[in-house]
Amino acid sequence: MIVFAQYMRGGTFGKAVKMAEGITDIAKRTGFCSIQYAGRKIFYSLLTAMLKRILKDMTASSPLKKKYPSGDISPFERPNVSQRHPFLYAPTILSAATSYDETMNCCRNAEDPTHNLEECFQKQAPKVLKPIKEDSLRQEHTCGILNKFGERTLKALKLAQISQTFPKADFVTVNKLVMDIVNMHKDCCCGDMLDCMHDRERILYYVCTNQDIISSKIKKVCEKPLLQRSECIVNAENDNKPADLSPHIREFIEDKNTTGKGYKDLLKECCKTGCPADCCSRGEEELRKHIYETESVMKTSCDLYKEKGLTSAELIKFTKEMTTIGSKCCQLGQDKLLPCAEENLDLVLGEICRRHLTNPINPGICHCCSSSYTLRRPCMGKLESDESYVPLSLTPGLFSFHDDLCTTEEDKLEQKKQEMLINLIKYKP
C-alpha cells in the first residue's frame, strides 16, 4: 500500500488496495509465510523486481521516480501519510498506522458516554505525529548528508554514533553495522522502499540475535514487535563505557592510521613544516581546545535556557527547535549533555541548510553548509553579521499594534512579541 501510494500519488485509494491485495495474494500462494528469515532475501528480491515491473508498466511514459509533494493532493481530511510523505521510510509509516489504530481504539472505548470521538482523536493525534515528524526529519537529514557530503562522511558519522551507543562492541561488529546501515540509507534515500524495509529488518535481526556482543541495554527493545524495535534502538540508552579504555587522547592523536577530519587538517599543515613530529604533538591540545569550546557553548546555552526560558532569534521556527533541544538536553548529566546537544543541533542545522538550498540566505550560511560537514556546527556558531544585508525600510505597517496583542493565549502572544522583535532586528540590525 505504501509503495503504491508513494510512487503513484495521483492514484485512488481503491486502486492501491486492489494492487496491494494482488501482491499479498501472490505472497500467500508462494508460501512466503512459511519461509524462514534466511530465505526471505530471495523472496524480497523477487517481489521487489515484480513490483518495479508493475509500476514501470503503469507509468510507461515516465521514469519510475518519486516526486516531492505539490499542490496536487486533495485538502487534508484524514490521515493520508504515504501520499503526503513520499520519502518517509515505510517502516515509520507502518509504525504510525499502528499508533493511529491504538489511538482510535482508545477513543472509541472511552467510558464517558458524552465522549466526542473527533475531539478525542484531535487531542491524541499530536502524540502520534511527534515521532513521525522526528523520524522524518532524521531521515531527510541523513539523506541530505549522503547526497551533499557523500558515503564516506555518512560512514564516519555512523561509526561515531554506533561506537557511542554500543561502546563494548568490537570494531568488526561496529564496522559491519556501519556498512549495513549506510547501505540501508542508500536504498531508502533513492526511494527503493522494499529493499529499504528488508535492509532494516536484517539489521534489527542481527542486532537482536547478537545482544551479548553488542549491548546490555537492548534486551527490552528486542522484545518489542518488529515495527517498534527500530525507533527504540535509535533512541536506546548508551551502554556502559568499557573500564579498560585509555584516559589519554594522545594515543588516538598520534596513531598514524587515524582519519579524523581535524587531525587530517593538522597533518597537512605539519607536513609543510620542517619538524612534523613536534607540530603533530599539538594534536591533543587542539582536540582538547575544540572539546572545551563546544562544552562552553553548550553551558552558556543551557544557562540561558534555564534563566530566560525562550531565547530571541531571527526565525521563530528554528528558535523553538533550539529551545526544544535545551529542554531535552540541559537536564542531562555532563557526560550525556554534549552528545545529545550536538546530535539534535545537527538536525536543525541540516534543516537550515536544506532551506538555504531552496532559497539562499547569505554567503556565510552558504560557506558553512557546503564547505565541511564536520565543521558545520562551529562554523555556524562563529557567523558574523551579513555585510550585504540591506535593513528594512520603516513603513507604516512594520510596527503595528492591534487588538490581538491583548490575547490571553500565551503561545499567540509570545509569537507576536517575537515577530516584532524580528522586525526590529531587521530594521536596526
Protein backbone atom coordinates (compact mmCIF):
# COMPACT_ATOMS: atom_id res chain seq x y z
CA MET A 1 0.00 0.00 0.00
CA ILE A 2 2.76 2.41 0.99
CA VAL A 3 4.81 1.70 -2.14
CA PHE A 4 1.84 2.26 -4.45
CA ALA A 5 0.74 5.39 -2.57
CA GLN A 6 4.24 6.91 -2.68
CA TYR A 7 5.01 6.13 -6.31
CA MET A 8 1.56 6.81 -7.72
CA ARG A 9 0.29 9.75 -5.72
CA GLY A 10 -2.39 10.53 -8.28
CA GLY A 11 -3.94 7.06 -7.94
CA THR A 12 -7.11 6.36 -5.99
CA PHE A 13 -7.36 4.54 -2.68
CA GLY A 14 -9.35 1.75 -4.39
CA LYS A 15 -6.63 1.11 -7.00
CA ALA A 16 -3.91 0.99 -4.36
CA VAL A 17 -5.96 -1.50 -2.30
CA LYS A 18 -6.52 -3.73 -5.33
CA MET A 19 -2.84 -3.81 -6.27
CA ALA A 20 -1.74 -4.38 -2.68
CA GLU A 21 -4.19 -7.27 -2.32
CA GLY A 22 -2.85 -8.80 -5.55
CA ILE A 23 0.72 -8.73 -4.26
CA THR A 24 -0.37 -10.11 -0.87
CA ASP A 25 -2.20 -12.95 -2.59
CA ILE A 26 0.97 -13.87 -4.51
CA ALA A 27 2.92 -13.83 -1.22
CA LYS A 28 0.43 -16.26 0.33
CA ARG A 29 0.36 -18.60 -2.68
CA THR A 30 4.18 -18.76 -2.90
CA GLY A 31 4.41 -19.81 0.75
CA PHE A 32 6.03 -16.62 1.99
CA CYS A 33 4.53 -17.06 5.46
CA SER A 34 6.42 -20.33 5.95
CA ILE A 35 9.78 -19.01 4.68
CA GLN A 36 12.33 -18.61 7.46
CA TYR A 37 14.40 -15.44 7.79
CA ALA A 38 17.37 -16.71 5.73
CA GLY A 39 15.13 -17.43 2.74
CA ARG A 40 13.29 -14.12 2.80
CA LYS A 41 16.03 -12.24 0.97
CA ILE A 42 15.32 -14.26 -2.19
CA PHE A 43 11.60 -13.61 -1.87
CA TYR A 44 12.14 -9.88 -1.25
CA SER A 45 14.35 -9.67 -4.34
CA LEU A 46 11.71 -11.36 -6.49
CA LEU A 47 8.92 -9.23 -5.01
CA THR A 48 10.94 -6.03 -5.49
CA ALA A 49 11.64 -6.87 -9.13
CA MET A 50 7.99 -7.73 -9.71
CA LEU A 51 6.71 -4.53 -8.08
CA LYS A 52 9.12 -2.40 -10.08
CA ARG A 53 7.94 -4.10 -13.25
CA ILE A 54 4.28 -3.45 -12.37
CA LEU A 55 4.98 0.19 -11.51
CA LYS A 56 7.06 0.66 -14.66
CA ASP A 57 4.27 -0.74 -16.83
CA MET A 58 1.74 1.52 -15.13
CA THR A 59 3.91 4.62 -15.61
CA ALA A 60 5.01 3.62 -19.13
CA SER A 61 5.62 7.12 -20.46
CA SER A 62 7.55 8.46 -17.46
CA PRO A 63 10.52 7.13 -15.45
CA LEU A 64 9.91 5.34 -12.14
CA LYS A 65 10.64 8.14 -9.72
CA LYS A 66 9.10 9.63 -6.64
CA LYS A 67 8.36 13.34 -6.57
CA TYR A 68 8.13 15.82 -3.74
CA PRO A 69 4.53 16.78 -2.84
CA SER A 70 2.99 19.70 -4.71
CA GLY A 71 -0.48 21.16 -4.77
CA ASP A 72 -1.99 18.13 -6.49
CA ILE A 73 -3.20 16.38 -3.31
CA SER A 74 -6.71 16.99 -2.01
CA PRO A 75 -7.13 19.07 1.19
CA PHE A 76 -6.34 17.23 4.41
CA GLU A 77 -9.35 15.36 5.74
CA ARG A 78 -7.94 12.28 7.45
CA PRO A 79 -4.52 10.67 7.95
CA ASN A 80 -3.07 10.18 4.49
CA VAL A 81 0.60 9.77 5.41
CA SER A 82 2.10 7.89 2.48
CA GLN A 83 0.94 10.29 -0.26
CA ARG A 84 1.99 13.37 1.68
CA HIS A 85 5.44 11.98 2.57
CA PRO A 86 6.74 10.11 -0.49
CA PHE A 87 10.24 9.83 1.01
CA LEU A 88 9.29 8.83 4.56
CA TYR A 89 10.59 5.33 5.26
CA ALA A 90 7.90 2.66 5.02
CA PRO A 91 8.58 1.13 8.49
CA THR A 92 7.94 4.55 10.04
CA ILE A 93 4.60 4.79 8.23
CA LEU A 94 3.63 1.26 9.29
CA SER A 95 4.52 2.06 12.89
CA ALA A 96 2.46 5.28 12.67
CA ALA A 97 -0.50 3.32 11.31
CA THR A 98 -0.35 1.03 14.35
CA SER A 99 -0.23 4.05 16.68
CA TYR A 100 -3.23 5.64 14.92
CA ASP A 101 -5.12 2.37 15.28
CA GLU A 102 -4.39 2.25 19.01
CA THR A 103 -5.46 5.89 19.39
CA MET A 104 -8.76 5.27 17.57
CA ASN A 105 -9.49 2.21 19.72
CA CYS A 106 -8.66 4.18 22.86
CA CYS A 107 -11.04 6.99 21.85
CA ARG A 108 -13.73 4.55 20.76
CA ASN A 109 -13.63 2.65 24.05
CA ALA A 110 -13.73 5.70 26.29
CA GLU A 111 -16.08 5.14 29.26
CA ASP A 112 -17.68 8.59 29.17
CA PRO A 113 -20.99 8.33 27.18
CA THR A 114 -20.81 12.03 26.23
CA HIS A 115 -17.33 11.47 24.84
CA ASN A 116 -16.68 13.17 21.48
CA LEU A 117 -14.71 10.83 19.20
CA GLU A 118 -13.43 13.61 16.92
CA GLU A 119 -12.34 15.76 19.88
CA CYS A 120 -10.59 12.80 21.49
CA PHE A 121 -8.72 12.00 18.30
CA GLN A 122 -7.60 15.62 17.81
CA LYS A 123 -6.16 15.65 21.33
CA GLN A 124 -4.35 12.33 20.91
CA ALA A 125 -3.10 12.88 17.32
CA PRO A 126 -0.09 15.11 18.25
CA LYS A 127 1.37 12.23 20.29
CA VAL A 128 1.25 10.06 17.17
CA LEU A 129 2.56 12.79 14.85
CA LYS A 130 5.52 13.81 17.05
CA PRO A 131 7.64 10.66 16.45
CA ILE A 132 6.67 10.70 12.75
CA LYS A 133 7.95 14.27 12.38
CA GLU A 134 11.12 13.48 14.33
CA ASP A 135 11.83 10.36 12.27
CA SER A 136 11.04 12.19 9.04
CA LEU A 137 13.47 14.99 9.94
CA ARG A 138 16.16 12.46 10.90
CA GLN A 139 15.72 10.56 7.62
CA GLU A 140 15.72 13.71 5.48
CA HIS A 141 18.80 14.90 7.35
CA THR A 142 20.63 11.59 6.75
CA CYS A 143 19.79 11.64 3.04
CA GLY A 144 20.97 15.26 2.91
CA ILE A 145 24.38 14.26 4.34
CA LEU A 146 24.65 11.32 1.91
CA ASN A 147 23.77 13.48 -1.12
CA LYS A 148 25.80 16.54 -0.15
CA PHE A 149 28.90 15.09 1.52
CA GLY A 150 28.96 11.53 0.20
CA GLU A 151 29.06 7.98 1.54
CA ARG A 152 32.40 8.40 3.35
CA THR A 153 31.09 11.21 5.58
CA LEU A 154 27.93 9.26 6.44
CA LYS A 155 30.05 6.19 7.32
CA ALA A 156 32.21 8.32 9.63
CA LEU A 157 29.12 9.80 11.30
CA LYS A 158 27.51 6.37 11.80
CA LEU A 159 30.80 4.96 13.09
CA ALA A 160 30.88 7.66 15.78
CA GLN A 161 27.19 7.25 16.70
CA ILE A 162 27.28 3.44 16.86
CA SER A 163 30.53 3.47 18.86
CA GLN A 164 28.85 5.74 21.42
CA THR A 165 25.68 3.65 21.62
CA PHE A 166 27.48 0.27 21.65
CA PRO A 167 30.90 1.05 23.23
CA LYS A 168 31.57 -2.61 24.20
CA ALA A 169 31.13 -3.95 20.65
CA ASP A 170 34.39 -4.80 18.86
CA PHE A 171 35.47 -2.95 15.74
CA VAL A 172 34.48 -5.77 13.35
CA THR A 173 30.89 -5.72 14.71
CA VAL A 174 30.67 -1.92 14.68
CA ASN A 175 32.09 -1.76 11.17
CA LYS A 176 29.58 -4.36 9.92
CA LEU A 177 26.72 -2.32 11.41
CA VAL A 178 28.09 0.88 9.84
CA MET A 179 28.30 -0.70 6.36
CA ASP A 180 24.83 -2.27 6.64
CA ILE A 181 23.21 0.93 7.94
CA VAL A 182 24.81 3.11 5.24
CA ASN A 183 23.72 0.63 2.54
CA MET A 184 20.21 0.72 4.01
CA HIS A 185 20.16 4.53 3.78
CA LYS A 186 21.39 4.38 0.17
CA ASP A 187 18.36 2.23 -0.71
CA CYS A 188 15.98 4.30 1.42
CA CYS A 189 17.21 7.68 0.15
CA CYS A 190 16.81 6.74 -3.51
CA GLY A 191 13.24 5.62 -2.80
CA ASP A 192 13.67 1.83 -3.02
CA MET A 193 11.27 1.13 -0.17
CA LEU A 194 11.12 -2.68 -0.35
CA ASP A 195 14.90 -3.03 -0.22
CA CYS A 196 14.88 -0.33 2.48
CA MET A 197 12.47 -2.39 4.60
CA HIS A 198 14.41 -5.60 4.05
CA ASP A 199 17.71 -3.92 4.95
CA ARG A 200 16.23 -2.56 8.16
CA GLU A 201 14.74 -5.93 9.14
CA ARG A 202 18.09 -7.64 8.51
CA ILE A 203 19.93 -5.11 10.71
CA LEU A 204 17.40 -5.47 13.54
CA TYR A 205 17.63 -9.27 13.29
CA TYR A 206 21.44 -9.12 13.52
CA VAL A 207 21.47 -6.69 16.47
CA CYS A 208 18.89 -8.63 18.46
CA THR A 209 20.50 -12.05 17.85
CA ASN A 210 23.94 -10.72 18.89
CA GLN A 211 22.99 -8.78 22.02
CA ASP A 212 25.74 -10.45 24.07
CA ILE A 213 28.50 -8.82 21.99
CA ILE A 214 26.68 -5.58 21.12
CA SER A 215 24.90 -4.07 24.15
CA SER A 216 23.40 -4.92 27.52
CA LYS A 217 20.79 -2.16 27.14
CA ILE A 218 18.67 -3.54 24.29
CA LYS A 219 17.07 -6.66 25.81
CA LYS A 220 13.67 -4.98 26.33
CA VAL A 221 13.93 -3.27 22.92
CA CYS A 222 14.36 -6.61 21.16
CA GLU A 223 11.27 -8.00 22.91
CA LYS A 224 9.10 -5.37 21.20
CA PRO A 225 7.20 -6.02 17.93
CA LEU A 226 9.38 -5.66 14.83
CA LEU A 227 7.97 -2.28 13.76
CA GLN A 228 8.66 -0.69 17.16
CA ARG A 229 12.20 -2.04 17.51
CA SER A 230 13.86 0.34 15.06
CA GLU A 231 12.74 3.55 16.78
CA CYS A 232 13.66 2.07 20.18
CA ILE A 233 17.17 1.10 19.04
CA VAL A 234 17.75 4.58 17.58
CA ASN A 235 16.78 6.05 20.95
CA ALA A 236 18.44 3.29 23.02
CA GLU A 237 20.45 4.28 26.07
CA ASN A 238 24.22 4.17 25.53
CA ASP A 239 25.78 1.04 27.00
CA ASN A 240 28.25 1.42 29.88
CA LYS A 241 31.71 2.60 28.84
CA PRO A 242 34.37 -0.16 28.91
CA ALA A 243 36.57 0.06 32.02
CA ASP A 244 39.83 -0.56 30.12
CA LEU A 245 39.60 2.49 27.82
CA SER A 246 42.68 4.71 27.88
CA PRO A 247 42.07 8.02 29.69
CA HIS A 248 44.53 9.75 27.35
CA ILE A 249 43.67 11.25 23.99
CA ARG A 250 47.34 11.21 22.92
CA GLU A 251 47.24 7.52 21.90
CA PHE A 252 44.45 8.36 19.46
CA ILE A 253 46.02 11.56 18.17
CA GLU A 254 49.45 10.05 17.47
CA ASP A 255 48.12 6.93 15.72
CA LYS A 256 49.15 7.30 12.06
CA ASN A 257 46.03 5.37 10.96
CA THR A 258 43.65 7.96 12.46
CA THR A 259 41.41 9.60 9.83
CA GLY A 260 39.59 12.26 11.92
CA LYS A 261 38.92 15.49 9.94
CA GLY A 262 40.69 17.83 12.39
CA TYR A 263 43.75 15.56 12.59
CA LYS A 264 43.92 15.29 8.79
CA ASP A 265 43.99 19.10 8.52
CA LEU A 266 46.73 19.21 11.19
CA LEU A 267 48.81 16.64 9.25
CA LYS A 268 48.58 18.73 6.07
CA GLU A 269 49.80 21.79 7.98
CA CYS A 270 52.59 19.89 9.75
CA CYS A 271 53.92 18.24 6.60
CA LYS A 272 54.73 21.72 5.26
CA THR A 273 56.98 22.49 8.25
CA GLY A 274 60.49 21.20 8.89
CA CYS A 275 59.52 19.41 12.13
CA PRO A 276 56.34 17.39 11.58
CA ALA A 277 56.76 15.36 14.81
CA ASP A 278 56.85 18.50 17.01
CA CYS A 279 53.97 20.02 15.06
CA CYS A 280 51.77 16.91 15.37
CA SER A 281 52.20 16.85 19.14
CA ARG A 282 49.83 19.86 19.12
CA GLY A 283 47.04 17.47 18.13
CA GLU A 284 45.95 16.61 21.67
CA GLU A 285 45.98 20.28 22.68
CA GLU A 286 43.86 21.20 19.61
CA LEU A 287 41.34 18.44 20.30
CA ARG A 288 41.02 19.42 23.96
CA LYS A 289 40.56 23.05 22.89
CA HIS A 290 37.76 22.06 20.48
CA ILE A 291 36.02 19.98 23.16
CA TYR A 292 36.36 22.81 25.72
CA GLU A 293 34.93 25.41 23.30
CA THR A 294 31.99 23.14 22.41
CA GLU A 295 31.24 22.42 26.08
CA SER A 296 31.45 26.15 26.89
CA VAL A 297 28.94 26.98 24.14
CA MET A 298 26.57 24.32 25.50
CA LYS A 299 26.96 25.54 29.09
CA THR A 300 26.19 29.13 28.06
CA SER A 301 23.18 27.99 26.02
CA CYS A 302 21.84 25.87 28.87
CA ASP A 303 22.34 28.68 31.40
CA LEU A 304 20.44 31.00 29.05
CA TYR A 305 17.68 28.43 28.61
CA LYS A 306 17.28 27.95 32.37
CA GLU A 307 17.34 31.69 33.03
CA LYS A 308 15.24 33.05 30.16
CA GLY A 309 13.05 30.13 29.07
CA LEU A 310 12.81 31.36 25.45
CA THR A 311 15.73 32.91 23.57
CA SER A 312 15.48 35.60 20.91
CA ALA A 313 16.38 34.60 17.36
CA GLU A 314 15.73 35.59 13.80
CA LEU A 315 13.44 32.74 12.90
CA ILE A 316 10.67 31.63 15.29
CA LYS A 317 10.58 28.09 13.92
CA PHE A 318 14.28 27.46 14.47
CA THR A 319 14.17 29.30 17.79
CA LYS A 320 11.54 26.85 19.02
CA GLU A 321 13.57 23.89 17.78
CA MET A 322 16.70 25.22 19.52
CA THR A 323 14.72 25.76 22.73
CA THR A 324 13.35 22.22 22.49
CA ILE A 325 16.96 20.97 22.40
CA GLY A 326 17.55 22.94 25.60
CA SER A 327 14.55 21.39 27.33
CA LYS A 328 15.63 17.91 26.17
CA CYS A 329 19.40 18.04 26.81
CA CYS A 330 20.11 20.64 29.51
CA GLN A 331 18.59 18.45 32.21
CA LEU A 332 21.02 15.61 31.42
CA GLY A 333 24.34 14.98 33.18
CA GLN A 334 27.61 16.36 31.78
CA ASP A 335 28.52 13.03 30.14
CA LYS A 336 25.27 12.93 28.13
CA LEU A 337 24.76 16.66 27.53
CA LEU A 338 27.22 17.11 24.66
CA PRO A 339 26.21 14.08 22.52
CA CYS A 340 22.51 14.95 22.98
CA ALA A 341 23.01 18.61 22.07
CA GLU A 342 25.32 18.04 19.10
CA GLU A 343 23.11 15.35 17.56
CA ASN A 344 19.90 17.37 17.90
CA LEU A 345 21.53 20.65 16.89
CA ASP A 346 22.91 18.92 13.81
CA LEU A 347 19.35 18.08 12.73
CA VAL A 348 18.31 21.75 12.99
CA LEU A 349 21.42 22.94 11.12
CA GLY A 350 20.70 20.37 8.40
CA GLU A 351 17.19 21.75 8.09
CA ILE A 352 18.55 25.31 7.82
CA CYS A 353 20.99 24.18 5.11
CA ARG A 354 18.23 22.47 3.12
CA ARG A 355 16.18 25.67 3.45
CA HIS A 356 19.24 27.59 2.20
CA LEU A 357 19.45 25.38 -0.90
CA THR A 358 15.85 26.25 -1.80
CA ASN A 359 16.33 29.98 -1.29
CA PRO A 360 19.88 31.18 -0.39
CA ILE A 361 20.08 33.04 2.93
CA ASN A 362 23.53 34.69 2.83
CA PRO A 363 27.18 33.95 1.84
CA GLY A 364 28.14 32.97 5.41
CA ILE A 365 25.43 30.31 5.64
CA CYS A 366 26.39 29.13 2.14
CA HIS A 367 30.01 28.64 3.23
CA CYS A 368 29.09 26.77 6.43
CA CYS A 369 26.61 24.49 4.66
CA SER A 370 28.86 23.47 1.79
CA SER A 371 32.49 23.55 2.98
CA SER A 372 32.66 20.77 5.62
CA TYR A 373 30.05 18.65 7.38
CA THR A 374 32.38 18.09 10.35
CA LEU A 375 32.95 21.81 10.91
CA ARG A 376 29.39 22.96 10.12
CA ARG A 377 28.34 23.49 13.75
CA PRO A 378 31.43 25.53 14.81
CA CYS A 379 31.20 27.48 11.53
CA MET A 380 27.56 28.44 12.23
CA GLY A 381 28.49 29.38 15.79
CA LYS A 382 31.11 31.87 14.54
CA LEU A 383 28.94 33.55 11.88
CA GLU A 384 29.31 37.32 11.78
CA SER A 385 26.91 39.97 10.54
CA ASP A 386 25.97 39.76 6.87
CA GLU A 387 27.60 42.84 5.32
CA SER A 388 25.48 42.56 2.18
CA TYR A 389 22.23 42.84 4.18
CA VAL A 390 20.08 45.89 3.47
CA PRO A 391 17.93 46.84 6.53
CA LEU A 392 14.15 47.00 6.22
CA SER A 393 12.62 50.38 5.43
CA LEU A 394 10.38 51.94 8.06
CA THR A 395 6.88 51.54 6.68
CA PRO A 396 3.56 52.25 8.44
CA GLY A 397 2.78 48.54 8.80
CA LEU A 398 6.20 47.45 10.16
CA PHE A 399 5.29 48.05 13.82
CA SER A 400 1.53 47.91 14.02
CA PHE A 401 -0.25 47.33 17.35
CA HIS A 402 -3.62 45.61 17.05
CA ASP A 403 -6.17 44.19 19.47
CA ASP A 404 -4.70 40.69 19.05
CA LEU A 405 -1.83 41.80 21.33
CA CYS A 406 -4.35 41.74 24.18
CA THR A 407 -4.82 37.97 23.85
CA THR A 408 -4.54 35.89 27.00
CA GLU A 409 -3.25 32.90 25.00
CA GLU A 410 0.42 32.75 25.96
CA ASP A 411 1.64 30.99 22.80
CA LYS A 412 0.00 33.51 20.43
CA LEU A 413 1.25 36.45 22.47
CA GLU A 414 4.78 35.03 22.50
CA GLN A 415 4.73 34.67 18.72
CA LYS A 416 3.54 38.28 18.28
CA LYS A 417 6.36 39.51 20.52
CA GLN A 418 8.90 37.50 18.53
CA GLU A 419 7.57 38.79 15.20
CA MET A 420 8.00 42.37 16.46
CA LEU A 421 11.49 41.59 17.73
CA ILE A 422 12.44 40.10 14.34
CA ASN A 423 11.18 43.23 12.55
CA LEU A 424 13.11 45.43 14.97
CA ILE A 425 16.33 43.46 14.36
CA LYS A 426 15.81 43.59 10.59
CA TYR A 427 15.13 47.35 10.79
CA LYS A 428 18.05 48.09 13.15
CA PRO A 429 20.48 45.16 12.82
